[in-house]
Amino acid sequence: MIIEHAHGSPECLAELGRELDVVWATWEACMAENHPCLPQCTFEREGATDGGTMTLGSWSAQIRGRLSAGLCDALDANMAQCLSAVGGSVGADSPCENWEAVGGCIVNSLETVCDGVYRR
């Protein structure tokens, strides 16, 4: 697989869209159960935590089996920035505001995550 640069390639956008459908369904399930912290519930149920804590390593391990390498690399870079804003990780004892900050950050980054990524 060769990673090259393109502006929002259709392949990347389609892959991201399929994954977002799964993640939003998890979010809605957490909401239906009245979970007190929707981002925490979603990240945990999607397998992005290890022992209740989400680090760049646990996030990366979770997405590597689900998405293409180029998209994973871009998402990892974005998540590294998002987690750095809350000290590098969020855990079971973290306030929901920290989970919300990380969740909001990664969602906002999705607008441009496919810029420069596609598979050939």
PDB file of N, CA and C in Angstrom:
ATOM      1  N   MET A   1       0.846  -1.168   0.000  1.00  0.00           N
ATOM      2  CA  MET A   1       0.000   0.000   0.000  1.00  0.00           C
ATOM      3  C   MET A   1       0.895   1.236   0.000  1.00  0.00           C
ATOM      4  N   ILE A   2       0.640   2.130  -0.905  1.00  0.00           N
ATOM      5  CA  ILE A   2       1.399   3.367  -1.000  1.00  0.00           C
ATOM      6  C   ILE A   2       0.496   4.498  -0.531  1.00  0.00           C
ATOM      7  N   ILE A   3       1.012   5.290   0.389  1.00  0.00           N
ATOM      8  CA  ILE A   3       0.253   6.446   0.870  1.00  0.00           C
ATOM      9  C   ILE A   3       0.727   7.662   0.090  1.00  0.00           C
ATOM     10  N   GLU A   4      -0.186   8.338  -0.540  1.00  0.00           N
ATOM     11  CA  GLU A   4       0.145   9.525  -1.299  1.00  0.00           C
ATOM     12  C   GLU A   4      -0.752  10.663  -0.831  1.00  0.00           C
ATOM     13  N   HIS A   5      -0.557  11.807  -1.441  1.00  0.00           N
ATOM     14  CA  HIS A   5      -1.323  12.979  -1.024  1.00  0.00           C
ATOM     15  C   HIS A   5      -2.451  13.286  -1.999  1.00  0.00           C
ATOM     16  N   ALA A   6      -3.589  13.600  -1.458  1.00  0.00           N
ATOM     17  CA  ALA A   6      -4.764  14.012  -2.220  1.00  0.00           C
ATOM     18  C   ALA A   6      -5.623  14.837  -1.279  1.00  0.00           C
ATOM     19  N   HIS A   7      -6.539  15.586  -1.817  1.00  0.00           N
ATOM     20  CA  HIS A   7      -7.410  16.389  -0.965  1.00  0.00           C
ATOM     21  C   HIS A   7      -8.701  15.625  -0.726  1.00  0.00           C
ATOM     22  N   GLY A   8      -8.865  15.096   0.473  1.00  0.00           N
ATOM     23  CA  GLY A   8     -10.096  14.411   0.837  1.00  0.00           C
ATOM     24  C   GLY A   8     -10.481  13.319  -0.142  1.00  0.00           C
ATOM     25  N   SER A   9      -9.613  12.366  -0.332  1.00  0.00           N
ATOM     26  CA  SER A   9      -9.854  11.321  -1.323  1.00  0.00           C
ATOM     27  C   SER A   9     -11.169  10.594  -1.061  1.00  0.00           C
ATOM     28  N   PRO A  10     -11.852  10.199  -2.124  1.00  0.00           N
ATOM     29  CA  PRO A  10     -13.111   9.465  -1.955  1.00  0.00           C
ATOM     30  C   PRO A  10     -12.930   8.171  -1.171  1.00  0.00           C
ATOM     31  N   GLU A  11     -11.805   7.476  -1.371  1.00  0.00           N
ATOM     32  CA  GLU A  11     -11.566   6.229  -0.647  1.00  0.00           C
ATOM     33  C   GLU A  11     -11.486   6.461   0.853  1.00  0.00           C
ATOM     34  N   CYS A  12     -10.745   7.464   1.241  1.00  0.00           N
ATOM     35  CA  CYS A  12     -10.589   7.770   2.663  1.00  0.00           C
ATOM     36  C   CYS A  12     -11.914   8.232   3.257  1.00  0.00           C
ATOM     37  N   LEU A  13     -12.605   9.097   2.549  1.00  0.00           N
ATOM     38  CA  LEU A  13     -13.877   9.612   3.056  1.00  0.00           C
ATOM     39  C   LEU A  13     -14.901   8.497   3.215  1.00  0.00           C
ATOM     40  N   ALA A  14     -14.920   7.545   2.277  1.00  0.00           N
ATOM     41  CA  ALA A  14     -15.850   6.416   2.382  1.00  0.00           C
ATOM     42  C   ALA A  14     -15.491   5.534   3.575  1.00  0.00           C
ATOM     43  N   GLU A  15     -14.198   5.268   3.747  1.00  0.00           N
ATOM     44  CA  GLU A  15     -13.747   4.448   4.876  1.00  0.00           C
ATOM     45  C   GLU A  15     -14.097   5.118   6.201  1.00  0.00           C
ATOM     46  N   LEU A  16     -13.827   6.408   6.289  1.00  0.00           N
ATOM     47  CA  LEU A  16     -14.134   7.160   7.500  1.00  0.00           C
ATOM     48  C   LEU A  16     -15.638   7.164   7.759  1.00  0.00           C
ATOM     49  N   GLY A  17     -16.426   7.351   6.730  1.00  0.00           N
ATOM     50  CA  GLY A  17     -17.880   7.360   6.884  1.00  0.00           C
ATOM     51  C   GLY A  17     -18.420   6.049   7.424  1.00  0.00           C
ATOM     52  N   ARG A  18     -17.898   4.942   6.905  1.00  0.00           N
ATOM     53  CA  ARG A  18     -18.339   3.628   7.405  1.00  0.00           C
ATOM     54  C   ARG A  18     -18.010   3.468   8.887  1.00  0.00           C
ATOM     55  N   GLU A  19     -16.822   3.889   9.272  1.00  0.00           N
ATOM     56  CA  GLU A  19     -16.418   3.760  10.673  1.00  0.00           C
ATOM     57  C   GLU A  19     -17.244   4.677  11.564  1.00  0.00           C
ATOM     58  N   LEU A  20     -17.523   5.875  11.094  1.00  0.00           N
ATOM     59  CA  LEU A  20     -18.323   6.806  11.894  1.00  0.00           C
ATOM     60  C   LEU A  20     -19.731   6.283  12.125  1.00  0.00           C
ATOM     61  N   ASP A  21     -20.289   5.570  11.160  1.00  0.00           N
ATOM     62  CA  ASP A  21     -21.613   4.973  11.359  1.00  0.00           C
ATOM     63  C   ASP A  21     -21.602   4.037  12.566  1.00  0.00           C
ATOM     64  N   VAL A  22     -20.550   3.256  12.700  1.00  0.00           N
ATOM     65  CA  VAL A  22     -20.414   2.322  13.823  1.00  0.00           C
ATOM     66  C   VAL A  22     -20.262   3.088  15.138  1.00  0.00           C
ATOM     67  N   VAL A  23     -19.385   4.082  15.133  1.00  0.00           N
ATOM     68  CA  VAL A  23     -19.106   4.840  16.358  1.00  0.00           C
ATOM     69  C   VAL A  23     -20.342   5.613  16.813  1.00  0.00           C
ATOM     70  N   TRP A  24     -21.059   6.232  15.877  1.00  0.00           N
ATOM     71  CA  TRP A  24     -22.252   6.991  16.272  1.00  0.00           C
ATOM     72  C   TRP A  24     -23.342   6.069  16.799  1.00  0.00           C
ATOM     73  N   ALA A  25     -23.418   4.846  16.286  1.00  0.00           N
ATOM     74  CA  ALA A  25     -24.382   3.879  16.825  1.00  0.00           C
ATOM     75  C   ALA A  25     -24.036   3.547  18.277  1.00  0.00           C
ATOM     76  N   THR A  26     -22.754   3.447  18.569  1.00  0.00           N
ATOM     77  CA  THR A  26     -22.317   3.207  19.948  1.00  0.00           C
ATOM     78  C   THR A  26     -22.674   4.404  20.822  1.00  0.00           C
ATOM     79  N   TRP A  27     -22.426   5.618  20.332  1.00  0.00           N
ATOM     80  CA  TRP A  27     -22.776   6.845  21.049  1.00  0.00           C
ATOM     81  C   TRP A  27     -24.271   6.847  21.382  1.00  0.00           C
ATOM     82  N   GLU A  28     -25.087   6.517  20.402  1.00  0.00           N
ATOM     83  CA  GLU A  28     -26.536   6.511  20.613  1.00  0.00           C
ATOM     84  C   GLU A  28     -26.952   5.448  21.626  1.00  0.00           C
ATOM     85  N   ALA A  29     -26.272   4.305  21.627  1.00  0.00           N
ATOM     86  CA  ALA A  29     -26.568   3.266  22.624  1.00  0.00           C
ATOM     87  C   ALA A  29     -26.225   3.764  24.020  1.00  0.00           C
ATOM     88  N   CYS A  30     -25.101   4.455  24.151  1.00  0.00           N
ATOM     89  CA  CYS A  30     -24.723   5.030  25.448  1.00  0.00           C
ATOM     90  C   CYS A  30     -25.755   6.067  25.888  1.00  0.00           C
ATOM     91  N   MET A  31     -26.227   6.872  24.936  1.00  0.00           N
ATOM     92  CA  MET A  31     -27.227   7.891  25.246  1.00  0.00           C
ATOM     93  C   MET A  31     -28.536   7.244  25.685  1.00  0.00           C
ATOM     94  N   ALA A  32     -28.943   6.188  24.998  1.00  0.00           N
ATOM     95  CA  ALA A  32     -30.194   5.500  25.331  1.00  0.00           C
ATOM     96  C   ALA A  32     -30.154   4.910  26.738  1.00  0.00           C
ATOM     97  N   GLU A  33     -28.949   4.574  27.193  1.00  0.00           N
ATOM     98  CA  GLU A  33     -28.780   4.022  28.543  1.00  0.00           C
ATOM     99  C   GLU A  33     -28.522   5.106  29.586  1.00  0.00           C
ATOM    100  N   ASN A  34     -28.605   6.363  29.167  1.00  0.00           N
ATOM    101  CA  ASN A  34     -28.378   7.501  30.061  1.00  0.00           C
ATOM    102  C   ASN A  34     -27.021   7.451  30.750  1.00  0.00           C
ATOM    103  N   HIS A  35     -26.002   7.050  30.011  1.00  0.00           N
ATOM    104  CA  HIS A  35     -24.657   7.034  30.584  1.00  0.00           C
ATOM    105  C   HIS A  35     -24.279   8.466  30.956  1.00  0.00           C
ATOM    106  N   PRO A  36     -23.679   8.681  32.128  1.00  0.00           N
ATOM    107  CA  PRO A  36     -23.380  10.046  32.565  1.00  0.00           C
ATOM    108  C   PRO A  36     -22.279  10.742  31.765  1.00  0.00           C
ATOM    109  N   CYS A  37     -21.466   9.993  31.013  1.00  0.00           N
ATOM    110  CA  CYS A  37     -20.397  10.611  30.227  1.00  0.00           C
ATOM    111  C   CYS A  37     -20.323   9.897  28.877  1.00  0.00           C
ATOM    112  N   LEU A  38     -21.002  10.461  27.893  1.00  0.00           N
ATOM    113  CA  LEU A  38     -21.125   9.802  26.590  1.00  0.00           C
ATOM    114  C   LEU A  38     -19.790   9.547  25.893  1.00  0.00           C
ATOM    115  N   PRO A  39     -18.849  10.496  25.893  1.00  0.00           N
ATOM    116  CA  PRO A  39     -17.573  10.187  25.240  1.00  0.00           C
ATOM    117  C   PRO A  39     -16.838   9.027  25.912  1.00  0.00           C
ATOM    118  N   GLN A  40     -16.826   9.002  27.231  1.00  0.00           N
ATOM    119  CA  GLN A  40     -16.165   7.915  27.949  1.00  0.00           C
ATOM    120  C   GLN A  40     -16.810   6.579  27.596  1.00  0.00           C
ATOM    121  N   CYS A  41     -18.114   6.518  27.643  1.00  0.00           N
ATOM    122  CA  CYS A  41     -18.850   5.298  27.314  1.00  0.00           C
ATOM    123  C   CYS A  41     -18.515   4.840  25.897  1.00  0.00           C
ATOM    124  N   THR A  42     -18.514   5.771  24.960  1.00  0.00           N
ATOM    125  CA  THR A  42     -18.266   5.427  23.560  1.00  0.00           C
ATOM    126  C   THR A  42     -16.848   4.916  23.356  1.00  0.00           C
ATOM    127  N   PHE A  43     -15.858   5.637  23.888  1.00  0.00           N
ATOM    128  CA  PHE A  43     -14.469   5.184  23.737  1.00  0.00           C
ATOM    129  C   PHE A  43     -14.270   3.814  24.377  1.00  0.00           C
ATOM    130  N   GLU A  44     -14.868   3.608  25.549  1.00  0.00           N
ATOM    131  CA  GLU A  44     -14.722   2.316  26.225  1.00  0.00           C
ATOM    132  C   GLU A  44     -15.364   1.195  25.418  1.00  0.00           C
ATOM    133  N   ARG A  45     -16.578   1.408  24.959  1.00  0.00           N
ATOM    134  CA  ARG A  45     -17.282   0.351  24.213  1.00  0.00           C
ATOM    135  C   ARG A  45     -16.650   0.073  22.858  1.00  0.00           C
ATOM    136  N   GLU A  46     -16.003   1.065  22.292  1.00  0.00           N
ATOM    137  CA  GLU A  46     -15.314   0.867  21.017  1.00  0.00           C
ATOM    138  C   GLU A  46     -13.936   0.229  21.207  1.00  0.00           C
ATOM    139  N   GLY A  47     -13.546   0.005  22.460  1.00  0.00           N
ATOM    140  CA  GLY A  47     -12.289  -0.690  22.728  1.00  0.00           C
ATOM    141  C   GLY A  47     -11.058   0.186  22.722  1.00  0.00           C
ATOM    142  N   ALA A  48     -11.238   1.493  22.855  1.00  0.00           N
ATOM    143  CA  ALA A  48     -10.104   2.418  22.790  1.00  0.00           C
ATOM    144  C   ALA A  48      -9.423   2.635  24.134  1.00  0.00           C
ATOM    145  N   THR A  49      -9.875   1.931  25.159  1.00  0.00           N
ATOM    146  CA  THR A  49      -9.269   2.074  26.484  1.00  0.00           C
ATOM    147  C   THR A  49      -8.598   0.770  26.885  1.00  0.00           C
ATOM    148  N   ASP A  50      -7.704   0.889  27.827  1.00  0.00           N
ATOM    149  CA  ASP A  50      -7.038  -0.276  28.410  1.00  0.00           C
ATOM    150  C   ASP A  50      -7.190  -0.143  29.911  1.00  0.00           C
ATOM    151  N   GLY A  51      -8.000  -0.999  30.508  1.00  0.00           N
ATOM    152  CA  GLY A  51      -8.248  -0.903  31.937  1.00  0.00           C
ATOM    153  C   GLY A  51      -8.953   0.379  32.327  1.00  0.00           C
ATOM    154  N   GLY A  52      -9.760   0.931  31.414  1.00  0.00           N
ATOM    155  CA  GLY A  52     -10.506   2.148  31.693  1.00  0.00           C
ATOM    156  C   GLY A  52      -9.768   3.430  31.359  1.00  0.00           C
ATOM    157  N   THR A  53      -8.520   3.321  30.916  1.00  0.00           N
ATOM    158  CA  THR A  53      -7.724   4.501  30.575  1.00  0.00           C
ATOM    159  C   THR A  53      -7.449   4.529  29.082  1.00  0.00           C
ATOM    160  N   MET A  54      -7.642   5.696  28.483  1.00  0.00           N
ATOM    161  CA  MET A  54      -7.311   5.848  27.069  1.00  0.00           C
ATOM    162  C   MET A  54      -6.022   6.637  26.936  1.00  0.00           C
ATOM    163  N   THR A  55      -5.070   6.009  26.288  1.00  0.00           N
ATOM    164  CA  THR A  55      -3.794   6.628  25.941  1.00  0.00           C
ATOM    165  C   THR A  55      -3.672   6.584  24.421  1.00  0.00           C
ATOM    166  N   LEU A  56      -2.631   7.201  23.898  1.00  0.00           N
ATOM    167  CA  LEU A  56      -2.410   7.109  22.462  1.00  0.00           C
ATOM    168  C   LEU A  56      -2.204   5.651  22.059  1.00  0.00           C
ATOM    169  N   GLY A  57      -1.528   4.884  22.900  1.00  0.00           N
ATOM    170  CA  GLY A  57      -1.296   3.474  22.602  1.00  0.00           C
ATOM    171  C   GLY A  57      -2.571   2.657  22.546  1.00  0.00           C
ATOM    172  N   SER A  58      -3.477   2.867  23.499  1.00  0.00           N
ATOM    173  CA  SER A  58      -4.726   2.089  23.494  1.00  0.00           C
ATOM    174  C   SER A  58      -5.619   2.508  22.328  1.00  0.00           C
ATOM    175  N   TRP A  59      -5.644   3.800  22.036  1.00  0.00           N
ATOM    176  CA  TRP A  59      -6.404   4.305  20.886  1.00  0.00           C
ATOM    177  C   TRP A  59      -5.864   3.695  19.597  1.00  0.00           C
ATOM    178  N   SER A  60      -4.557   3.756  19.433  1.00  0.00           N
ATOM    179  CA  SER A  60      -3.927   3.273  18.212  1.00  0.00           C
ATOM    180  C   SER A  60      -4.158   1.778  18.020  1.00  0.00           C
ATOM    181  N   ALA A  61      -4.032   1.015  19.094  1.00  0.00           N
ATOM    182  CA  ALA A  61      -4.252  -0.433  19.004  1.00  0.00           C
ATOM    183  C   ALA A  61      -5.675  -0.736  18.554  1.00  0.00           C
ATOM    184  N   GLN A  62      -6.625   0.062  18.998  1.00  0.00           N
ATOM    185  CA  GLN A  62      -8.029  -0.157  18.653  1.00  0.00           C
ATOM    186  C   GLN A  62      -8.299   0.156  17.187  1.00  0.00           C
ATOM    187  N   ILE A  63      -7.750   1.234  16.667  1.00  0.00           N
ATOM    188  CA  ILE A  63      -8.065   1.603  15.282  1.00  0.00           C
ATOM    189  C   ILE A  63      -7.247   0.825  14.263  1.00  0.00           C
ATOM    190  N   ARG A  64      -6.090   0.325  14.637  1.00  0.00           N
ATOM    191  CA  ARG A  64      -5.202  -0.373  13.684  1.00  0.00           C
ATOM    192  C   ARG A  64      -5.842  -1.616  13.093  1.00  0.00           C
ATOM    193  N   GLY A  65      -6.718  -2.256  13.799  1.00  0.00           N
ATOM    194  CA  GLY A  65      -7.379  -3.427  13.245  1.00  0.00           C
ATOM    195  C   GLY A  65      -8.626  -3.111  12.439  1.00  0.00           C
ATOM    196  N   ARG A  66      -8.981  -1.835  12.390  1.00  0.00           N
ATOM    197  CA  ARG A  66     -10.254  -1.456  11.771  1.00  0.00           C
ATOM    198  C   ARG A  66     -10.109  -0.581  10.536  1.00  0.00           C
ATOM    199  N   LEU A  67      -9.009   0.142  10.447  1.00  0.00           N
ATOM    200  CA  LEU A  67      -8.860   1.142   9.392  1.00  0.00           C
ATOM    201  C   LEU A  67      -7.535   0.975   8.653  1.00  0.00           C
ATOM    202  N   SER A  68      -7.426   1.588   7.485  1.00  0.00           N
ATOM    203  CA  SER A  68      -6.198   1.513   6.696  1.00  0.00           C
ATOM    204  C   SER A  68      -5.058   2.244   7.402  1.00  0.00           C
ATOM    205  N   ALA A  69      -3.845   1.856   7.054  1.00  0.00           N
ATOM    206  CA  ALA A  69      -2.659   2.408   7.720  1.00  0.00           C
ATOM    207  C   ALA A  69      -2.565   3.922   7.582  1.00  0.00           C
ATOM    208  N   GLY A  70      -2.831   4.444   6.403  1.00  0.00           N
ATOM    209  CA  GLY A  70      -2.727   5.889   6.200  1.00  0.00           C
ATOM    210  C   GLY A  70      -3.714   6.667   7.050  1.00  0.00           C
ATOM    211  N   LEU A  71      -4.937   6.184   7.118  1.00  0.00           N
ATOM    212  CA  LEU A  71      -5.944   6.848   7.941  1.00  0.00           C
ATOM    213  C   LEU A  71      -5.593   6.706   9.417  1.00  0.00           C
ATOM    214  N   CYS A  72      -5.096   5.542   9.812  1.00  0.00           N
ATOM    215  CA  CYS A  72      -4.674   5.346  11.206  1.00  0.00           C
ATOM    216  C   CYS A  72      -3.573   6.323  11.589  1.00  0.00           C
ATOM    217  N   ASP A  73      -2.596   6.492  10.712  1.00  0.00           N
ATOM    218  CA  ASP A  73      -1.498   7.417  11.006  1.00  0.00           C
ATOM    219  C   ASP A  73      -2.023   8.835  11.217  1.00  0.00           C
ATOM    220  N   ALA A  74      -2.939   9.256  10.354  1.00  0.00           N
ATOM    221  CA  ALA A  74      -3.503  10.602  10.482  1.00  0.00           C
ATOM    222  C   ALA A  74      -4.324  10.736  11.763  1.00  0.00           C
ATOM    223  N   LEU A  75      -5.123   9.723  12.073  1.00  0.00           N
ATOM    224  CA  LEU A  75      -5.927   9.760  13.300  1.00  0.00           C
ATOM    225  C   LEU A  75      -5.051   9.709  14.545  1.00  0.00           C
ATOM    226  N   ASP A  76      -3.983   8.925  14.506  1.00  0.00           N
ATOM    227  CA  ASP A  76      -3.055   8.883  15.640  1.00  0.00           C
ATOM    228  C   ASP A  76      -2.429  10.250  15.890  1.00  0.00           C
ATOM    229  N   ALA A  77      -2.019  10.922  14.825  1.00  0.00           N
ATOM    230  CA  ALA A  77      -1.416  12.252  14.977  1.00  0.00           C
ATOM    231  C   ALA A  77      -2.418  13.224  15.587  1.00  0.00           C
ATOM    232  N   ASN A  78      -3.664  13.156  15.135  1.00  0.00           N
ATOM    233  CA  ASN A  78      -4.695  14.034  15.688  1.00  0.00           C
ATOM    234  C   ASN A  78      -4.978  13.701  17.151  1.00  0.00           C
ATOM    235  N   MET A  79      -5.080  12.410  17.468  1.00  0.00           N
ATOM    236  CA  MET A  79      -5.371  12.021  18.846  1.00  0.00           C
ATOM    237  C   MET A  79      -4.226  12.401  19.776  1.00  0.00           C
ATOM    238  N   ALA A  80      -2.999  12.335  19.302  1.00  0.00           N
ATOM    239  CA  ALA A  80      -1.864  12.750  20.130  1.00  0.00           C
ATOM    240  C   ALA A  80      -2.037  14.205  20.558  1.00  0.00           C
ATOM    241  N   GLN A  81      -2.468  15.045  19.635  1.00  0.00           N
ATOM    242  CA  GLN A  81      -2.705  16.451  19.971  1.00  0.00           C
ATOM    243  C   GLN A  81      -3.879  16.591  20.929  1.00  0.00           C
ATOM    244  N   CYS A  82      -4.938  15.837  20.687  1.00  0.00           N
ATOM    245  CA  CYS A  82      -6.118  15.918  21.552  1.00  0.00           C
ATOM    246  C   CYS A  82      -5.787  15.487  22.979  1.00  0.00           C
ATOM    247  N   LEU A  83      -5.077  14.386  23.121  1.00  0.00           N
ATOM    248  CA  LEU A  83      -4.727  13.894  24.459  1.00  0.00           C
ATOM    249  C   LEU A  83      -3.732  14.809  25.162  1.00  0.00           C
ATOM    250  N   SER A  84      -2.871  15.469  24.399  1.00  0.00           N
ATOM    251  CA  SER A  84      -1.890  16.358  25.036  1.00  0.00           C
ATOM    252  C   SER A  84      -2.579  17.499  25.776  1.00  0.00           C
ATOM    253  N   ALA A  85      -3.777  17.865  25.340  1.00  0.00           N
ATOM    254  CA  ALA A  85      -4.520  18.954  25.984  1.00  0.00           C
ATOM    255  C   ALA A  85      -5.038  18.564  27.365  1.00  0.00           C
ATOM    256  N   VAL A  86      -5.073  17.246  27.657  1.00  0.00           N
ATOM    257  CA  VAL A  86      -5.581  16.781  28.956  1.00  0.00           C
ATOM    258  C   VAL A  86      -4.522  15.980  29.710  1.00  0.00           C
ATOM    259  N   GLY A  87      -3.262  16.211  29.395  1.00  0.00           N
ATOM    260  CA  GLY A  87      -2.186  15.563  30.134  1.00  0.00           C
ATOM    261  C   GLY A  87      -1.745  14.217  29.582  1.00  0.00           C
ATOM    262  N   GLY A  88      -2.206  13.838  28.406  1.00  0.00           N
ATOM    263  CA  GLY A  88      -1.728  12.627  27.757  1.00  0.00           C
ATOM    264  C   GLY A  88      -2.625  11.411  27.865  1.00  0.00           C
ATOM    265  N   SER A  89      -3.629  11.465  28.735  1.00  0.00           N
ATOM    266  CA  SER A  89      -4.552  10.329  28.857  1.00  0.00           C
ATOM    267  C   SER A  89      -5.816  10.775  29.579  1.00  0.00           C
ATOM    268  N   VAL A  90      -6.848   9.951  29.444  1.00  0.00           N
ATOM    269  CA  VAL A  90      -8.065  10.105  30.235  1.00  0.00           C
ATOM    270  C   VAL A  90      -8.383   8.741  30.821  1.00  0.00           C
ATOM    271  N   GLY A  91      -8.894   8.754  32.043  1.00  0.00           N
ATOM    272  CA  GLY A  91      -9.163   7.489  32.718  1.00  0.00           C
ATOM    273  C   GLY A  91     -10.471   7.504  33.469  1.00  0.00           C
ATOM    274  N   ALA A  92     -10.721   6.421  34.165  1.00  0.00           N
ATOM    275  CA  ALA A  92     -11.968   6.262  34.912  1.00  0.00           C
ATOM    276  C   ALA A  92     -12.173   7.385  35.924  1.00  0.00           C
ATOM    277  N   ASP A  93     -11.079   7.906  36.473  1.00  0.00           N
ATOM    278  CA  ASP A  93     -11.176   8.975  37.466  1.00  0.00           C
ATOM    279  C   ASP A  93     -11.144  10.373  36.853  1.00  0.00           C
ATOM    280  N   SER A  94     -10.994  10.458  35.542  1.00  0.00           N
ATOM    281  CA  SER A  94     -10.951  11.766  34.879  1.00  0.00           C
ATOM    282  C   SER A  94     -12.344  12.379  34.862  1.00  0.00           C
ATOM    283  N   PRO A  95     -12.424  13.701  35.022  1.00  0.00           N
ATOM    284  CA  PRO A  95     -13.740  14.340  34.912  1.00  0.00           C
ATOM    285  C   PRO A  95     -14.281  14.177  33.490  1.00  0.00           C
ATOM    286  N   CYS A  96     -15.581  14.131  33.370  1.00  0.00           N
ATOM    287  CA  CYS A  96     -16.204  13.980  32.057  1.00  0.00           C
ATOM    288  C   CYS A  96     -15.765  15.100  31.117  1.00  0.00           C
ATOM    289  N   GLU A  97     -15.484  16.266  31.661  1.00  0.00           N
ATOM    290  CA  GLU A  97     -15.042  17.389  30.832  1.00  0.00           C
ATOM    291  C   GLU A  97     -13.785  17.028  30.043  1.00  0.00           C
ATOM    292  N   ASN A  98     -12.891  16.236  30.637  1.00  0.00           N
ATOM    293  CA  ASN A  98     -11.683  15.822  29.919  1.00  0.00           C
ATOM    294  C   ASN A  98     -12.027  14.866  28.781  1.00  0.00           C
ATOM    295  N   TRP A  99     -12.920  13.909  29.044  1.00  0.00           N
ATOM    296  CA  TRP A  99     -13.368  12.999  27.993  1.00  0.00           C
ATOM    297  C   TRP A  99     -14.049  13.792  26.877  1.00  0.00           C
ATOM    298  N   GLU A 100     -14.864  14.781  27.266  1.00  0.00           N
ATOM    299  CA  GLU A 100     -15.550  15.613  26.277  1.00  0.00           C
ATOM    300  C   GLU A 100     -14.560  16.420  25.450  1.00  0.00           C
ATOM    301  N   ALA A 101     -13.515  16.924  26.096  1.00  0.00           N
ATOM    302  CA  ALA A 101     -12.504  17.695  25.373  1.00  0.00           C
ATOM    303  C   ALA A 101     -11.806  16.829  24.328  1.00  0.00           C
ATOM    304  N   VAL A 102     -11.439  15.618  24.720  1.00  0.00           N
ATOM    305  CA  VAL A 102     -10.771  14.709  23.785  1.00  0.00           C
ATOM    306  C   VAL A 102     -11.728  14.300  22.670  1.00  0.00           C
ATOM    307  N   GLY A 103     -12.949  13.944  23.033  1.00  0.00           N
ATOM    308  CA  GLY A 103     -13.935  13.552  22.030  1.00  0.00           C
ATOM    309  C   GLY A 103     -14.245  14.668  21.050  1.00  0.00           C
ATOM    310  N   GLY A 104     -14.453  15.870  21.573  1.00  0.00           N
ATOM    311  CA  GLY A 104     -14.726  17.012  20.704  1.00  0.00           C
ATOM    312  C   GLY A 104     -13.560  17.326  19.794  1.00  0.00           C
ATOM    313  N   CYS A 105     -12.369  17.216  20.335  1.00  0.00           N
ATOM    314  CA  CYS A 105     -11.160  17.480  19.559  1.00  0.00           C
ATOM    315  C   CYS A 105     -11.030  16.506  18.397  1.00  0.00           C
ATOM    316  N   ILE A 106     -11.197  15.209  18.665  1.00  0.00           N
ATOM    317  CA  ILE A 106     -11.027  14.225  17.589  1.00  0.00           C
ATOM    318  C   ILE A 106     -12.146  14.353  16.562  1.00  0.00           C
ATOM    319  N   VAL A 107     -13.368  14.639  17.000  1.00  0.00           N
ATOM    320  CA  VAL A 107     -14.467  14.831  16.048  1.00  0.00           C
ATOM    321  C   VAL A 107     -14.185  16.039  15.159  1.00  0.00           C
ATOM    322  N   ASN A 108     -13.720  17.140  15.743  1.00  0.00           N
ATOM    323  CA  ASN A 108     -13.397  18.323  14.946  1.00  0.00           C
ATOM    324  C   ASN A 108     -12.295  18.037  13.937  1.00  0.00           C
ATOM    325  N   SER A 109     -11.351  17.182  14.308  1.00  0.00           N
ATOM    326  CA  SER A 109     -10.238  16.874  13.408  1.00  0.00           C
ATOM    327  C   SER A 109     -10.676  16.044  12.205  1.00  0.00           C
ATOM    328  N   LEU A 110     -11.841  15.419  12.291  1.00  0.00           N
ATOM    329  CA  LEU A 110     -12.297  14.555  11.204  1.00  0.00           C
ATOM    330  C   LEU A 110     -12.615  15.328   9.931  1.00  0.00           C
ATOM    331  N   GLU A 111     -12.863  16.630  10.075  1.00  0.00           N
ATOM    332  CA  GLU A 111     -13.171  17.441   8.899  1.00  0.00           C
ATOM    333  C   GLU A 111     -12.033  17.432   7.894  1.00  0.00           C
ATOM    334  N   THR A 112     -10.800  17.310   8.374  1.00  0.00           N
ATOM    335  CA  THR A 112      -9.644  17.381   7.478  1.00  0.00           C
ATOM    336  C   THR A 112      -8.758  16.142   7.536  1.00  0.00           C
ATOM    337  N   VAL A 113      -9.148  15.113   8.278  1.00  0.00           N
ATOM    338  CA  VAL A 113      -8.265  13.960   8.469  1.00  0.00           C
ATOM    339  C   VAL A 113      -7.957  13.248   7.154  1.00  0.00           C
ATOM    340  N   CYS A 114      -8.837  13.310   6.191  1.00  0.00           N
ATOM    341  CA  CYS A 114      -8.591  12.630   4.915  1.00  0.00           C
ATOM    342  C   CYS A 114      -7.782  13.473   3.933  1.00  0.00           C
ATOM    343  N   ASP A 115      -7.513  14.719   4.274  1.00  0.00           N
ATOM    344  CA  ASP A 115      -6.678  15.536   3.401  1.00  0.00           C
ATOM    345  C   ASP A 115      -5.283  14.923   3.371  1.00  0.00           C
ATOM    346  N   GLY A 116      -4.838  14.543   2.211  1.00  0.00           N
ATOM    347  CA  GLY A 116      -3.491  14.005   2.082  1.00  0.00           C
ATOM    348  C   GLY A 116      -3.372  12.511   2.275  1.00  0.00           C
ATOM    349  N   VAL A 117      -4.488  11.798   2.439  1.00  0.00           N
ATOM    350  CA  VAL A 117      -4.413  10.351   2.655  1.00  0.00           C
ATOM    351  C   VAL A 117      -5.271   9.634   1.624  1.00  0.00           C
ATOM    352  N   TYR A 118      -4.666   8.714   0.918  1.00  0.00           N
ATOM    353  CA  TYR A 118      -5.451   7.743   0.160  1.00  0.00           C
ATOM    354  C   TYR A 118      -4.602   6.541  -0.181  1.00  0.00           C
ATOM    355  N   ARG A 119      -5.274   5.467  -0.571  1.00  0.00           N
ATOM    356  CA  ARG A 119      -4.589   4.209  -0.869  1.00  0.00           C
ATOM    357  C   ARG A 119      -4.513   4.008  -2.372  1.00  0.00           C
ATOM    358  N   ARG A 120      -3.427   3.401  -2.797  1.00  0.00           N
ATOM    359  CA  ARG A 120      -3.306   3.059  -4.210  1.00  0.00           C
ATOM    360  C   ARG A 120      -2.800   1.642  -4.334  1.00  0.00           C
TER     361      ARG A 120
END
